[in-house]
Amino acid sequence: MTENTRPLDGIHALVTGSGSGIGAAIADDLGRMGAAPTLVGRCDIPLAEKGRAIHGVFCHAQAMGLTDNGALQGLFANVASDFDTLVNNVGAAETASVLKTDMLKLNRTFDVNFRTAFSCAQAVSPRMLQSGIGRIINIASAASIKGYPCISAYCAAKHALLRFTRSLAAELTSTNITVNAVCPGYTDTGLIDRAVGVVTAKTGTSADAIRAKYASLNPGGRLIEAWEVASAVGWLCFSATSAITGQAVIVADGDL
C-alpha cells in the first residue's frame, strides 16, 4: 500500500501566531502534508512565499496584532469563510511575580493567550457547522495544567484556554468538529530566549544556566523542539482522529 504523504490535501487551515517558533513549525508541517495554511500574526510575506515554494501549496500571510478586535474581524470578513482547521497558537508570557502583576499586565496576558482564541473559535465555528467537519486545536501549554512561579497570569490564561477547549468540545460533541488542546512543555523558541534574557538581566545568572533550569522543568530534562509540537497538531488534523475531542495532548517527554 502506498503511503499518502499529503493526507491534508484540500484543507484550509488558519494558524495564528505563525511568524516564528511553534506557529511557524505548525504552518510548515501542515503545508508539507498538503493543507493550505493562512498565517496570521506578527509574520511576514516571505514566510508564506517560502511555504508555497517548498510545498507547492497556496499560502496567505497577514501581519497583524491579534488583540486588535477590528483587525481580527476584518480578517474573518475577508478570508475566513472557508477554514476547515483553526490552530490557536498565538501566545505571550510576561515574567513577574503575583505581587508585581498589575491589572494591565493581567489583561494583556488574557487578551493574547485566551480572548483571541475564543474570538477565532467563535468566528470559524459557523462555517464548520455548515460544512459538517472541522478541527479546532488550541496550543494551551504545560502551564494550563501545572503552575509555574513568576508566570501566574500566563498560567491562568492558558488554564482558561484549556477549560474553554473542553467546554466547546462538549458543545460540539454531536458534530464532526473536534476541539483539542496541545500542551507543550518548555519549548526551544524565541519565547524562551526572551524569558532567559529577562531573568538574566534581573538576576545576573548566565543564560546557559537559565536555559538549563527551564529544561529541567520538563519531565525529560530537555527543551521540547517546535517540530515535535507541530507533529502533534498535524496528527489531530487527520480524519483518523475524529473520535478524539476535548483532550489535552501533552508534549513534554512525560506526564506533568
Foldseek 3Di string as FASTA:
>chain_A
DDDQQQQQAPAEEEFEPCQWFLNVLLCLSNLRNHYAYEYEEQHDDVSQVVSCVPRVHHYHYDYDHLLPVVVVVVCLVPPQLAHQEYELEFAAFDFAAPVPQDPVNLVVRLSGQAVSLVVVCVSNVVSCVVVQAHEYEYALAPLLVDPDGRRRSNSVNSVVRLVVQLVVQVVCVVTLYAGEYEYEQAAPIVNLVVVLVVCCVVPVDDSVVSQQVSLCVFPVSGHHYSNQSSVVVVVCPHPVNSVDHSYYHYHGPDDD
